[in-house]
Amino acid sequence: MNNIVKSNYNNLKDEITKLLLTSREKAYKSVNTILVGTYWHIGRYIVEFEQHGEDKATYGGELLVKLSKELTIEYGKGFSRSNLTYMRKLYIAFPKSETLSHKLSWSHYFELLKTDDKLEMNFYLKQCEKENWSVRELKRQMKSMLFHRIALSADKKGVLELSQKGQNIAKAQDIIKDPYVLEFLDIPHTKCYLEGELEEKIIQNLQVFLLEIGKGFAFIGHQYKINIGSRHFFVDLVFYHRILKCFVLIDLKKGGVEHNDIGQMNLYLNYFKKEENVEGDNEPIGIVLGAYKDNILVEYATQNISNQLFVSKYQLFLPEKEKLIDELNKILDNENE
C-alpha cells in the first residue's frame, strides 16, 4: 500500500470512527432520555394509584414490594423496591415531565433524589448540566456539602439564586470556598504531616482537587519559581482561570495562617501582575490555604491590600452535615424574620 493510498485509507477510517462515536453518543442520550421518561411515568402511575382510597387500603405499604417482585419476574433487573421508590420520588419532585433534564441519566437523578431539600437538589441539577459532572463527581460534591458551603456566604436572595441558576463565576469571590474539603487525600487529620507532603498528595489527586476548587481552573505547575534579584521564591500551586482570565496562586500551610504568609502572597501577586501577566490577563488572585485561621488577624493583615488576596481553611475530613444545614437554615430564617 503506497503512501497516498494509505493516507486516504486512514482518512476513511477516521471519518467512520467519528461517525460511529457520534452515533453511539446520540443513541446513548436517546436511550437515556427514554429511560428517565419511562421511570417518570412509572412514578406517576404509582402515585396516582396510591391516591385512590380503596386501592391504597387494599395494598397498603406492600404495594412497592408486590410490584417489585412481579415486575422483576416479568422484565428482569431494574425494578427493585428501592428503584421503584425513587421512580415515585422522581415524579413527586418533578411533577411536570418537561422540567426533566435530558443531560442527566437515571443514575444522576437517583443521587439527586437522596436529598429532600428542593433548593439543594436544584443546585446540584444545574451544576451537573453546566459542568457535565459524572455520577461519581456528583456523589463527591453532594457528600462534601458543596451547596451549603457556597450558600453560607450568601443572603437569602443569593441562596435562592444559587438554587435556580447554579454557581455563576463572574468575580474573584465566586471561586473562593471556606472551607475547602480535601478528604480525598486520605490524610488522617490527627496525623503530623509536612506542607510538602500535602502538596504532593494534591498533585497525585489533581483531578479531584480541580473538582473541589471549581469550574474553569487549568493547572500551570507546582513549586513555581519566582526570581527577584538574587532571591528565589516558590509558589506551591499555580493555576490559570479561563473564565476570569487570570492566574490563581495557592499557598499551602499545614497549620494556621500567619500575617507573614499573607505578606508573602501579596509579594507573589505583585510579581505576577508585573512579570507574568500578558495582554488580556486580569489581575491575579491569591489564596492562602491553612488548616485554620484567626479571622481578626486576617482582617488586620489584609487591610489596605489592593490585590485580590483571600485566606481560607481546608479540612481533611467531610463536613458535619447537620451543622451546615442548621447554619443555612439560620440564614433563611433570619431573612424571613
C-alpha atoms as a PDB file:
ATOM      1  CA  MET A   1       0.000   0.000   0.000  1.00  0.00           C
ATOM      2  CA  ASN A   2       1.658   3.243  -1.172  1.00  0.00           C
ATOM      3  CA  ASN A   3       1.665   6.374   0.997  1.00  0.00           C
ATOM      4  CA  ILE A   4      -1.171   8.123  -0.884  1.00  0.00           C
ATOM      5  CA  VAL A   5      -3.448   5.089  -0.673  1.00  0.00           C
ATOM      6  CA  LYS A   6      -2.520   4.577   2.975  1.00  0.00           C
ATOM      7  CA  SER A   7      -3.257   8.254   3.748  1.00  0.00           C
ATOM      8  CA  ASN A   8      -6.650   8.036   2.001  1.00  0.00           C
ATOM      9  CA  TYR A   9      -7.446   4.833   3.872  1.00  0.00           C
ATOM     10  CA  ASN A  10      -6.550   6.431   7.229  1.00  0.00           C
ATOM     11  CA  ASN A  11      -8.803   9.400   6.414  1.00  0.00           C
ATOM     12  CA  LEU A  12     -11.613   6.988   5.555  1.00  0.00           C
ATOM     13  CA  LYS A  13     -11.151   5.119   8.827  1.00  0.00           C
ATOM     14  CA  ASP A  14     -11.031   8.382  10.824  1.00  0.00           C
ATOM     15  CA  GLU A  15     -14.302   9.567   9.265  1.00  0.00           C
ATOM     16  CA  ILE A  16     -16.017   6.241  10.026  1.00  0.00           C
ATOM     17  CA  THR A  17     -14.680   6.321  13.602  1.00  0.00           C
ATOM     18  CA  LYS A  18     -16.028   9.858  14.145  1.00  0.00           C
ATOM     19  CA  LEU A  19     -19.413   8.846  12.721  1.00  0.00           C
ATOM     20  CA  LEU A  20     -19.659   5.761  14.938  1.00  0.00           C
ATOM     21  CA  LEU A  21     -18.665   7.642  18.097  1.00  0.00           C
ATOM     22  CA  THR A  22     -21.148  10.441  17.358  1.00  0.00           C
ATOM     23  CA  SER A  23     -23.910   7.939  16.583  1.00  0.00           C
ATOM     24  CA  ARG A  24     -23.231   5.959  19.745  1.00  0.00           C
ATOM     25  CA  GLU A  25     -23.308   9.129  21.820  1.00  0.00           C
ATOM     26  CA  LYS A  26     -26.616  10.171  20.257  1.00  0.00           C
ATOM     27  CA  ALA A  27     -28.015   6.671  20.796  1.00  0.00           C
ATOM     28  CA  TYR A  28     -26.919   6.712  24.457  1.00  0.00           C
ATOM     29  CA  LYS A  29     -28.527  10.109  25.020  1.00  0.00           C
ATOM     30  CA  SER A  30     -31.692   8.985  23.259  1.00  0.00           C
ATOM     31  CA  VAL A  31     -31.939   5.774  25.301  1.00  0.00           C
ATOM     32  CA  ASN A  32     -31.179   7.715  28.483  1.00  0.00           C
ATOM     33  CA  THR A  33     -33.941  10.256  27.758  1.00  0.00           C
ATOM     34  CA  ILE A  34     -36.436   7.465  27.083  1.00  0.00           C
ATOM     35  CA  LEU A  35     -35.387   5.620  30.282  1.00  0.00           C
ATOM     36  CA  VAL A  36     -35.760   8.685  32.524  1.00  0.00           C
ATOM     37  CA  GLY A  37     -39.114   9.482  30.874  1.00  0.00           C
ATOM     38  CA  THR A  38     -40.311   5.899  31.348  1.00  0.00           C
ATOM     39  CA  TYR A  39     -39.337   5.897  35.030  1.00  0.00           C
ATOM     40  CA  TRP A  40     -41.084   9.245  35.482  1.00  0.00           C
ATOM     41  CA  HIS A  41     -44.312   7.767  34.071  1.00  0.00           C
ATOM     42  CA  ILE A  42     -43.989   4.669  36.290  1.00  0.00           C
ATOM     43  CA  GLY A  43     -43.641   7.014  39.260  1.00  0.00           C
ATOM     44  CA  ARG A  44     -46.749   8.903  38.137  1.00  0.00           C
ATOM     45  CA  TYR A  45     -48.771   5.677  37.839  1.00  0.00           C
ATOM     46  CA  ILE A  46     -47.722   4.626  41.343  1.00  0.00           C
ATOM     47  CA  VAL A  47     -48.642   7.998  42.881  1.00  0.00           C
ATOM     48  CA  GLU A  48     -51.997   8.119  41.077  1.00  0.00           C
ATOM     49  CA  PHE A  49     -52.753   4.558  42.192  1.00  0.00           C
ATOM     50  CA  GLU A  50     -51.912   5.473  45.795  1.00  0.00           C
ATOM     51  CA  GLN A  51     -54.332   8.397  45.654  1.00  0.00           C
ATOM     52  CA  HIS A  52     -57.303   6.052  45.196  1.00  0.00           C
ATOM     53  CA  GLY A  53     -58.549   5.277  48.672  1.00  0.00           C
ATOM     54  CA  GLU A  54     -59.783   1.695  48.179  1.00  0.00           C
ATOM     55  CA  ASP A  55     -56.738   0.617  46.167  1.00  0.00           C
ATOM     56  CA  LYS A  56     -54.422   2.123  48.761  1.00  0.00           C
ATOM     57  CA  ALA A  57     -56.250   0.395  51.593  1.00  0.00           C
ATOM     58  CA  THR A  58     -56.089  -2.948  49.777  1.00  0.00           C
ATOM     59  CA  TYR A  59     -52.335  -2.944  49.117  1.00  0.00           C
ATOM     60  CA  GLY A  60     -51.149  -0.603  51.876  1.00  0.00           C
ATOM     61  CA  GLY A  61     -47.403  -0.401  52.429  1.00  0.00           C
ATOM     62  CA  GLU A  62     -46.858  -3.636  50.486  1.00  0.00           C
ATOM     63  CA  LEU A  63     -47.583  -2.052  47.095  1.00  0.00           C
ATOM     64  CA  LEU A  64     -43.954  -1.476  46.091  1.00  0.00           C
ATOM     65  CA  VAL A  65     -42.864  -4.871  47.438  1.00  0.00           C
ATOM     66  CA  LYS A  66     -45.534  -6.629  45.371  1.00  0.00           C
ATOM     67  CA  LEU A  67     -44.818  -4.560  42.263  1.00  0.00           C
ATOM     68  CA  SER A  68     -41.086  -5.144  42.599  1.00  0.00           C
ATOM     69  CA  LYS A  69     -41.423  -8.921  42.771  1.00  0.00           C
ATOM     70  CA  GLU A  70     -43.809  -9.200  39.846  1.00  0.00           C
ATOM     71  CA  LEU A  71     -42.065  -6.719  37.534  1.00  0.00           C
ATOM     72  CA  THR A  72     -38.671  -8.337  38.224  1.00  0.00           C
ATOM     73  CA  ILE A  73     -40.053 -11.781  37.309  1.00  0.00           C
ATOM     74  CA  GLU A  74     -41.548 -10.433  34.061  1.00  0.00           C
ATOM     75  CA  TYR A  75     -38.933  -7.856  32.996  1.00  0.00           C
ATOM     76  CA  GLY A  76     -35.718  -8.650  34.866  1.00  0.00           C
ATOM     77  CA  LYS A  77     -33.454  -6.291  36.817  1.00  0.00           C
ATOM     78  CA  GLY A  78     -34.132  -2.614  37.375  1.00  0.00           C
ATOM     79  CA  PHE A  79     -37.348  -2.901  39.369  1.00  0.00           C
ATOM     80  CA  SER A  80     -36.115  -3.346  42.922  1.00  0.00           C
ATOM     81  CA  ARG A  81     -38.188  -1.819  45.684  1.00  0.00           C
ATOM     82  CA  SER A  82     -35.508   0.874  46.022  1.00  0.00           C
ATOM     83  CA  ASN A  83     -35.682   1.754  42.306  1.00  0.00           C
ATOM     84  CA  LEU A  84     -39.480   1.935  42.380  1.00  0.00           C
ATOM     85  CA  THR A  85     -39.297   4.166  45.454  1.00  0.00           C
ATOM     86  CA  TYR A  86     -37.035   6.554  43.562  1.00  0.00           C
ATOM     87  CA  MET A  87     -39.254   6.478  40.468  1.00  0.00           C
ATOM     88  CA  ARG A  88     -42.079   7.593  42.738  1.00  0.00           C
ATOM     89  CA  LYS A  89     -39.844  10.319  44.210  1.00  0.00           C
ATOM     90  CA  LEU A  90     -38.858  11.438  40.689  1.00  0.00           C
ATOM     91  CA  TYR A  91     -42.480  12.164  39.803  1.00  0.00           C
ATOM     92  CA  ILE A  92     -43.148  13.929  43.117  1.00  0.00           C
ATOM     93  CA  ALA A  93     -40.009  16.093  42.774  1.00  0.00           C
ATOM     94  CA  PHE A  94     -40.652  16.873  39.067  1.00  0.00           C
ATOM     95  CA  PRO A  95     -44.434  16.721  38.548  1.00  0.00           C
ATOM     96  CA  LYS A  96     -44.024  18.295  35.096  1.00  0.00           C
ATOM     97  CA  SER A  97     -42.091  15.983  32.776  1.00  0.00           C
ATOM     98  CA  GLU A  98     -40.780  18.900  30.690  1.00  0.00           C
ATOM     99  CA  THR A  99     -38.703  20.057  33.678  1.00  0.00           C
ATOM    100  CA  LEU A 100     -36.582  16.901  33.474  1.00  0.00           C
ATOM    101  CA  SER A 101     -33.096  17.448  32.075  1.00  0.00           C
ATOM    102  CA  HIS A 102     -32.103  15.436  29.017  1.00  0.00           C
ATOM    103  CA  LYS A 103     -28.460  15.858  30.022  1.00  0.00           C
ATOM    104  CA  LEU A 104     -28.808  13.775  33.197  1.00  0.00           C
ATOM    105  CA  SER A 105     -29.004   9.999  33.397  1.00  0.00           C
ATOM    106  CA  TRP A 106     -31.230   7.970  35.697  1.00  0.00           C
ATOM    107  CA  SER A 107     -28.157   7.391  37.887  1.00  0.00           C
ATOM    108  CA  HIS A 108     -27.799  11.181  38.279  1.00  0.00           C
ATOM    109  CA  TYR A 109     -31.432  11.517  39.314  1.00  0.00           C
ATOM    110  CA  PHE A 110     -31.074   8.588  41.707  1.00  0.00           C
ATOM    111  CA  GLU A 111     -28.372  10.548  43.572  1.00  0.00           C
ATOM    112  CA  LEU A 112     -30.201  13.889  43.405  1.00  0.00           C
ATOM    113  CA  LEU A 113     -33.346  12.373  44.887  1.00  0.00           C
ATOM    114  CA  LYS A 114     -31.448  11.334  48.005  1.00  0.00           C
ATOM    115  CA  THR A 115     -31.930  14.881  49.290  1.00  0.00           C
ATOM    116  CA  ASP A 116     -35.385  16.123  50.247  1.00  0.00           C
ATOM    117  CA  ASP A 117     -34.264  19.758  50.097  1.00  0.00           C
ATOM    118  CA  LYS A 118     -35.589  21.287  46.859  1.00  0.00           C
ATOM    119  CA  LEU A 119     -33.037  24.128  46.903  1.00  0.00           C
ATOM    120  CA  GLU A 120     -30.131  21.712  47.275  1.00  0.00           C
ATOM    121  CA  MET A 121     -31.491  19.353  44.613  1.00  0.00           C
ATOM    122  CA  ASN A 122     -31.957  22.159  42.088  1.00  0.00           C
ATOM    123  CA  PHE A 123     -28.443  23.471  42.690  1.00  0.00           C
ATOM    124  CA  TYR A 124     -26.783  20.113  42.008  1.00  0.00           C
ATOM    125  CA  LEU A 125     -29.004  19.564  38.962  1.00  0.00           C
ATOM    126  CA  LYS A 126     -27.915  22.927  37.487  1.00  0.00           C
ATOM    127  CA  GLN A 127     -24.250  22.216  38.252  1.00  0.00           C
ATOM    128  CA  CYS A 128     -24.474  18.783  36.599  1.00  0.00           C
ATOM    129  CA  GLU A 129     -25.844  20.452  33.471  1.00  0.00           C
ATOM    130  CA  LYS A 130     -23.272  23.271  33.482  1.00  0.00           C
ATOM    131  CA  GLU A 131     -20.183  21.236  34.249  1.00  0.00           C
ATOM    132  CA  ASN A 132     -21.109  17.811  32.805  1.00  0.00           C
ATOM    133  CA  TRP A 133     -20.458  16.064  36.111  1.00  0.00           C
ATOM    134  CA  SER A 134     -20.270  12.309  36.043  1.00  0.00           C
ATOM    135  CA  VAL A 135     -22.308  10.431  38.636  1.00  0.00           C
ATOM    136  CA  ARG A 136     -19.118   9.876  40.618  1.00  0.00           C
ATOM    137  CA  GLU A 137     -18.367  13.621  40.622  1.00  0.00           C
ATOM    138  CA  LEU A 138     -21.943  14.430  41.661  1.00  0.00           C
ATOM    139  CA  LYS A 139     -21.762  11.996  44.589  1.00  0.00           C
ATOM    140  CA  ARG A 140     -18.499  13.543  45.773  1.00  0.00           C
ATOM    141  CA  GLN A 141     -19.847  17.095  45.608  1.00  0.00           C
ATOM    142  CA  MET A 142     -23.023  16.167  47.466  1.00  0.00           C
ATOM    143  CA  LYS A 143     -21.047  14.335  50.122  1.00  0.00           C
ATOM    144  CA  SER A 144     -18.773  17.349  50.593  1.00  0.00           C
ATOM    145  CA  MET A 145     -21.867  19.597  51.002  1.00  0.00           C
ATOM    146  CA  LEU A 146     -20.796  21.946  48.216  1.00  0.00           C
ATOM    147  CA  PHE A 147     -24.171  23.706  48.065  1.00  0.00           C
ATOM    148  CA  HIS A 148     -24.140  24.539  51.768  1.00  0.00           C
ATOM    149  CA  ARG A 149     -20.501  25.658  51.754  1.00  0.00           C
ATOM    150  CA  ILE A 150     -21.167  28.121  48.936  1.00  0.00           C
ATOM    151  CA  ALA A 151     -24.592  29.182  50.212  1.00  0.00           C
ATOM    152  CA  LEU A 152     -23.299  30.115  53.677  1.00  0.00           C
ATOM    153  CA  SER A 153     -21.513  33.119  52.179  1.00  0.00           C
ATOM    154  CA  ALA A 154     -24.762  34.485  50.694  1.00  0.00           C
ATOM    155  CA  ASP A 155     -28.024  36.042  51.915  1.00  0.00           C
ATOM    156  CA  LYS A 156     -31.445  34.520  51.309  1.00  0.00           C
ATOM    157  CA  LYS A 157     -31.699  36.081  47.847  1.00  0.00           C
ATOM    158  CA  GLY A 158     -28.269  34.716  46.970  1.00  0.00           C
ATOM    159  CA  VAL A 159     -29.169  31.227  48.210  1.00  0.00           C
ATOM    160  CA  LEU A 160     -32.355  31.170  46.117  1.00  0.00           C
ATOM    161  CA  GLU A 161     -30.479  32.412  43.055  1.00  0.00           C
ATOM    162  CA  LEU A 162     -27.812  29.751  43.615  1.00  0.00           C
ATOM    163  CA  SER A 163     -30.524  27.104  43.620  1.00  0.00           C
ATOM    164  CA  GLN A 164     -32.225  28.426  40.495  1.00  0.00           C
ATOM    165  CA  LYS A 165     -29.158  29.116  38.351  1.00  0.00           C
ATOM    166  CA  GLY A 166     -26.281  27.162  39.911  1.00  0.00           C
ATOM    167  CA  GLN A 167     -22.963  28.876  40.594  1.00  0.00           C
ATOM    168  CA  ASN A 168     -22.013  31.671  38.197  1.00  0.00           C
ATOM    169  CA  ILE A 169     -18.341  32.647  38.077  1.00  0.00           C
ATOM    170  CA  ALA A 170     -18.137  36.398  37.468  1.00  0.00           C
ATOM    171  CA  LYS A 171     -15.671  37.716  40.059  1.00  0.00           C
ATOM    172  CA  ALA A 172     -12.825  36.522  42.267  1.00  0.00           C
ATOM    173  CA  GLN A 173     -15.072  35.919  45.299  1.00  0.00           C
ATOM    174  CA  ASP A 174     -17.095  33.393  43.277  1.00  0.00           C
ATOM    175  CA  ILE A 175     -14.233  30.878  43.211  1.00  0.00           C
ATOM    176  CA  ILE A 176     -13.473  31.084  46.950  1.00  0.00           C
ATOM    177  CA  LYS A 177     -14.695  28.416  49.369  1.00  0.00           C
ATOM    178  CA  ASP A 178     -14.278  28.309  53.124  1.00  0.00           C
ATOM    179  CA  PRO A 179     -13.571  25.571  53.961  1.00  0.00           C
ATOM    180  CA  TYR A 180     -12.100  23.558  51.107  1.00  0.00           C
ATOM    181  CA  VAL A 181     -12.699  19.848  51.724  1.00  0.00           C
ATOM    182  CA  LEU A 182      -9.707  17.607  50.936  1.00  0.00           C
ATOM    183  CA  GLU A 183     -10.924  14.289  52.310  1.00  0.00           C
ATOM    184  CA  PHE A 184      -9.849  12.560  49.075  1.00  0.00           C
ATOM    185  CA  LEU A 185      -6.186  12.970  50.096  1.00  0.00           C
ATOM    186  CA  ASP A 186      -6.704  10.263  52.734  1.00  0.00           C
ATOM    187  CA  ILE A 187      -4.543  12.059  55.303  1.00  0.00           C
ATOM    188  CA  PRO A 188      -5.829  11.402  58.849  1.00  0.00           C
ATOM    189  CA  HIS A 189      -6.418  14.826  60.417  1.00  0.00           C
ATOM    190  CA  THR A 190      -4.651  13.591  63.549  1.00  0.00           C
ATOM    191  CA  LYS A 191      -1.505  12.748  61.545  1.00  0.00           C
ATOM    192  CA  CYS A 192       1.544  15.014  61.698  1.00  0.00           C
ATOM    193  CA  TYR A 193       2.324  15.858  58.076  1.00  0.00           C
ATOM    194  CA  LEU A 194       4.566  18.303  56.227  1.00  0.00           C
ATOM    195  CA  GLU A 195       3.412  21.010  53.806  1.00  0.00           C
ATOM    196  CA  GLY A 196       5.379  19.280  51.038  1.00  0.00           C
ATOM    197  CA  GLU A 197       3.504  16.056  51.750  1.00  0.00           C
ATOM    198  CA  LEU A 198       0.170  17.890  51.497  1.00  0.00           C
ATOM    199  CA  GLU A 199       1.198  19.417  48.175  1.00  0.00           C
ATOM    200  CA  GLU A 200       2.416  16.087  46.800  1.00  0.00           C
ATOM    201  CA  LYS A 201      -0.884  14.430  47.730  1.00  0.00           C
ATOM    202  CA  ILE A 202      -2.773  17.187  45.907  1.00  0.00           C
ATOM    203  CA  ILE A 203      -0.646  16.710  42.772  1.00  0.00           C
ATOM    204  CA  GLN A 204      -1.313  12.958  42.918  1.00  0.00           C
ATOM    205  CA  ASN A 205      -5.054  13.664  43.158  1.00  0.00           C
ATOM    206  CA  LEU A 206      -5.101  16.688  40.864  1.00  0.00           C
ATOM    207  CA  GLN A 207      -8.267  15.712  39.001  1.00  0.00           C
ATOM    208  CA  VAL A 208     -10.315  15.555  42.201  1.00  0.00           C
ATOM    209  CA  PHE A 209      -8.661  18.720  43.540  1.00  0.00           C
ATOM    210  CA  LEU A 210      -9.720  20.563  40.377  1.00  0.00           C
ATOM    211  CA  LEU A 211     -13.273  19.366  41.003  1.00  0.00           C
ATOM    212  CA  GLU A 212     -13.106  20.743  44.553  1.00  0.00           C
ATOM    213  CA  ILE A 213     -11.724  24.163  43.645  1.00  0.00           C
ATOM    214  CA  GLY A 214     -14.312  24.515  40.905  1.00  0.00           C
ATOM    215  CA  LYS A 215     -15.011  25.165  37.250  1.00  0.00           C
ATOM    216  CA  GLY A 216     -12.565  26.962  34.977  1.00  0.00           C
ATOM    217  CA  PHE A 217      -9.191  26.068  36.533  1.00  0.00           C
ATOM    218  CA  ALA A 218      -6.272  24.959  34.356  1.00  0.00           C
ATOM    219  CA  PHE A 219      -3.174  23.638  36.126  1.00  0.00           C
ATOM    220  CA  ILE A 220       0.051  25.516  35.333  1.00  0.00           C
ATOM    221  CA  GLY A 221       2.524  23.998  37.803  1.00  0.00           C
ATOM    222  CA  HIS A 222       3.655  23.455  41.376  1.00  0.00           C
ATOM    223  CA  GLN A 223       6.657  24.938  43.162  1.00  0.00           C
ATOM    224  CA  TYR A 224       6.522  27.668  40.528  1.00  0.00           C
ATOM    225  CA  LYS A 225       9.850  29.515  40.690  1.00  0.00           C
ATOM    226  CA  ILE A 226       9.998  33.289  41.093  1.00  0.00           C
ATOM    227  CA  ASN A 227      13.303  35.165  40.812  1.00  0.00           C
ATOM    228  CA  ILE A 228      13.502  38.564  42.486  1.00  0.00           C
ATOM    229  CA  GLY A 229      17.028  39.913  42.397  1.00  0.00           C
ATOM    230  CA  SER A 230      19.287  37.239  43.837  1.00  0.00           C
ATOM    231  CA  ARG A 231      16.464  35.603  45.804  1.00  0.00           C
ATOM    232  CA  HIS A 232      14.268  32.703  44.754  1.00  0.00           C
ATOM    233  CA  PHE A 233      10.686  32.059  45.851  1.00  0.00           C
ATOM    234  CA  PHE A 234       8.363  29.146  45.076  1.00  0.00           C
ATOM    235  CA  VAL A 235       4.574  29.299  44.795  1.00  0.00           C
ATOM    236  CA  ASP A 236       3.045  25.986  45.886  1.00  0.00           C
ATOM    237  CA  LEU A 237       0.357  25.772  43.188  1.00  0.00           C
ATOM    238  CA  VAL A 238      -0.310  27.955  40.143  1.00  0.00           C
ATOM    239  CA  PHE A 239      -3.465  27.761  38.006  1.00  0.00           C
ATOM    240  CA  TYR A 240      -4.984  29.839  35.252  1.00  0.00           C
ATOM    241  CA  HIS A 241      -8.708  30.553  35.394  1.00  0.00           C
ATOM    242  CA  ARG A 242     -10.077  30.536  31.871  1.00  0.00           C
ATOM    243  CA  ILE A 243     -13.372  32.259  32.811  1.00  0.00           C
ATOM    244  CA  LEU A 244     -11.882  35.066  34.916  1.00  0.00           C
ATOM    245  CA  LYS A 245      -8.805  35.179  32.634  1.00  0.00           C
ATOM    246  CA  CYS A 246      -6.253  35.417  35.406  1.00  0.00           C
ATOM    247  CA  PHE A 247      -3.616  33.450  37.304  1.00  0.00           C
ATOM    248  CA  VAL A 248      -4.671  31.894  40.601  1.00  0.00           C
ATOM    249  CA  LEU A 249      -1.894  31.283  43.120  1.00  0.00           C
ATOM    250  CA  ILE A 250      -2.363  28.942  46.079  1.00  0.00           C
ATOM    251  CA  ASP A 251      -0.005  28.713  49.045  1.00  0.00           C
ATOM    252  CA  LEU A 252      -0.490  25.774  51.427  1.00  0.00           C
ATOM    253  CA  LYS A 253       0.041  25.957  55.193  1.00  0.00           C
ATOM    254  CA  LYS A 254      -0.159  22.845  57.345  1.00  0.00           C
ATOM    255  CA  GLY A 255      -1.139  24.867  60.409  1.00  0.00           C
ATOM    256  CA  GLY A 256      -2.657  28.285  60.904  1.00  0.00           C
ATOM    257  CA  VAL A 257      -2.194  31.219  58.517  1.00  0.00           C
ATOM    258  CA  GLU A 258       0.165  33.895  59.892  1.00  0.00           C
ATOM    259  CA  HIS A 259       0.444  37.554  58.892  1.00  0.00           C
ATOM    260  CA  ASN A 260       3.778  36.969  57.129  1.00  0.00           C
ATOM    261  CA  ASP A 261       2.103  34.287  54.952  1.00  0.00           C
ATOM    262  CA  ILE A 262      -0.328  36.947  53.746  1.00  0.00           C
ATOM    263  CA  GLY A 263       2.527  39.387  53.098  1.00  0.00           C
ATOM    264  CA  GLN A 264       4.363  36.758  51.085  1.00  0.00           C
ATOM    265  CA  MET A 265       1.298  36.056  48.940  1.00  0.00           C
ATOM    266  CA  ASN A 266       0.940  39.788  48.339  1.00  0.00           C
ATOM    267  CA  LEU A 267       4.536  39.772  47.065  1.00  0.00           C
ATOM    268  CA  TYR A 268       3.726  36.909  44.688  1.00  0.00           C
ATOM    269  CA  LEU A 269       0.674  38.739  43.347  1.00  0.00           C
ATOM    270  CA  ASN A 270       2.641  41.925  42.687  1.00  0.00           C
ATOM    271  CA  TYR A 271       5.268  39.897  40.834  1.00  0.00           C
ATOM    272  CA  PHE A 272       2.739  38.033  38.678  1.00  0.00           C
ATOM    273  CA  LYS A 273       0.890  41.245  37.892  1.00  0.00           C
ATOM    274  CA  LYS A 274       4.057  42.864  36.560  1.00  0.00           C
ATOM    275  CA  GLU A 275       6.150  39.970  35.246  1.00  0.00           C
ATOM    276  CA  GLU A 276       3.806  37.136  34.257  1.00  0.00           C
ATOM    277  CA  ASN A 277       0.622  38.821  33.051  1.00  0.00           C
ATOM    278  CA  VAL A 278       0.261  39.399  29.316  1.00  0.00           C
ATOM    279  CA  GLU A 279      -2.204  41.496  27.371  1.00  0.00           C
ATOM    280  CA  GLY A 280      -5.751  40.368  28.118  1.00  0.00           C
ATOM    281  CA  ASP A 281      -4.949  38.923  31.556  1.00  0.00           C
ATOM    282  CA  ASN A 282      -6.809  40.279  34.564  1.00  0.00           C
ATOM    283  CA  GLU A 283      -5.202  40.810  37.965  1.00  0.00           C
ATOM    284  CA  PRO A 284      -4.086  37.546  39.621  1.00  0.00           C
ATOM    285  CA  ILE A 285      -5.888  36.005  42.583  1.00  0.00           C
ATOM    286  CA  GLY A 286      -4.054  34.684  45.640  1.00  0.00           C
ATOM    287  CA  ILE A 287      -5.396  32.120  48.106  1.00  0.00           C
ATOM    288  CA  VAL A 288      -3.537  31.281  51.308  1.00  0.00           C
ATOM    289  CA  LEU A 289      -4.898  27.938  52.418  1.00  0.00           C
ATOM    290  CA  GLY A 290      -4.363  26.836  56.008  1.00  0.00           C
ATOM    291  CA  ALA A 291      -5.700  24.247  58.419  1.00  0.00           C
ATOM    292  CA  TYR A 292      -7.204  27.069  60.470  1.00  0.00           C
ATOM    293  CA  LYS A 293      -7.214  30.863  60.556  1.00  0.00           C
ATOM    294  CA  ASP A 294      -7.666  33.693  63.033  1.00  0.00           C
ATOM    295  CA  ASN A 295     -10.309  35.929  61.451  1.00  0.00           C
ATOM    296  CA  ILE A 296      -9.225  39.032  63.362  1.00  0.00           C
ATOM    297  CA  LEU A 297      -5.566  38.557  62.402  1.00  0.00           C
ATOM    298  CA  VAL A 298      -6.605  38.051  58.772  1.00  0.00           C
ATOM    299  CA  GLU A 299      -8.708  41.212  58.897  1.00  0.00           C
ATOM    300  CA  TYR A 300      -5.786  43.348  60.082  1.00  0.00           C
ATOM    301  CA  ALA A 301      -3.213  41.638  57.845  1.00  0.00           C
ATOM    302  CA  THR A 302      -5.275  42.132  54.667  1.00  0.00           C
ATOM    303  CA  GLN A 303      -6.395  45.689  55.440  1.00  0.00           C
ATOM    304  CA  ASN A 304      -5.349  48.183  52.742  1.00  0.00           C
ATOM    305  CA  ILE A 305      -4.128  45.385  50.451  1.00  0.00           C
ATOM    306  CA  SER A 306      -5.458  46.220  46.989  1.00  0.00           C
ATOM    307  CA  ASN A 307      -4.646  42.824  45.474  1.00  0.00           C
ATOM    308  CA  GLN A 308      -7.253  40.054  45.225  1.00  0.00           C
ATOM    309  CA  LEU A 309      -5.954  38.100  48.212  1.00  0.00           C
ATOM    310  CA  PHE A 310      -8.049  35.611  50.191  1.00  0.00           C
ATOM    311  CA  VAL A 311      -7.443  33.392  53.189  1.00  0.00           C
ATOM    312  CA  SER A 312      -9.395  30.137  53.510  1.00  0.00           C
ATOM    313  CA  LYS A 313      -9.321  26.983  55.582  1.00  0.00           C
ATOM    314  CA  TYR A 314      -9.039  23.429  54.371  1.00  0.00           C
ATOM    315  CA  GLN A 315     -10.080  20.298  56.196  1.00  0.00           C
ATOM    316  CA  LEU A 316      -9.086  16.699  55.669  1.00  0.00           C
ATOM    317  CA  PHE A 317     -12.492  15.254  56.542  1.00  0.00           C
ATOM    318  CA  LEU A 318     -16.044  15.669  55.285  1.00  0.00           C
ATOM    319  CA  PRO A 319     -18.055  18.484  56.906  1.00  0.00           C
ATOM    320  CA  GLU A 320     -20.726  17.834  59.534  1.00  0.00           C
ATOM    321  CA  LYS A 321     -23.978  17.724  57.579  1.00  0.00           C
ATOM    322  CA  GLU A 322     -26.293  18.689  60.434  1.00  0.00           C
ATOM    323  CA  LYS A 323     -24.158  21.679  61.399  1.00  0.00           C
ATOM    324  CA  LEU A 324     -24.108  23.111  57.876  1.00  0.00           C
ATOM    325  CA  ILE A 325     -27.859  22.550  57.470  1.00  0.00           C
ATOM    326  CA  ASP A 326     -28.520  24.384  60.755  1.00  0.00           C
ATOM    327  CA  GLU A 327     -26.296  27.307  59.726  1.00  0.00           C
ATOM    328  CA  LEU A 328     -28.030  27.634  56.348  1.00  0.00           C
ATOM    329  CA  ASN A 329     -31.467  27.443  57.964  1.00  0.00           C
ATOM    330  CA  LYS A 330     -30.484  30.306  60.273  1.00  0.00           C
ATOM    331  CA  ILE A 331     -29.698  32.477  57.241  1.00  0.00           C
ATOM    332  CA  LEU A 332     -33.071  31.680  55.674  1.00  0.00           C
ATOM    333  CA  ASP A 333     -34.983  32.076  58.984  1.00  0.00           C
ATOM    334  CA  ASN A 334     -33.314  35.399  59.824  1.00  0.00           C
ATOM    335  CA  GLU A 335     -34.250  36.740  56.421  1.00  0.00           C
ATOM    336  CA  ASN A 336     -37.853  35.652  56.967  1.00  0.00           C
ATOM    337  CA  GLU A 337     -37.959  37.499  60.280  1.00  0.00           C
END
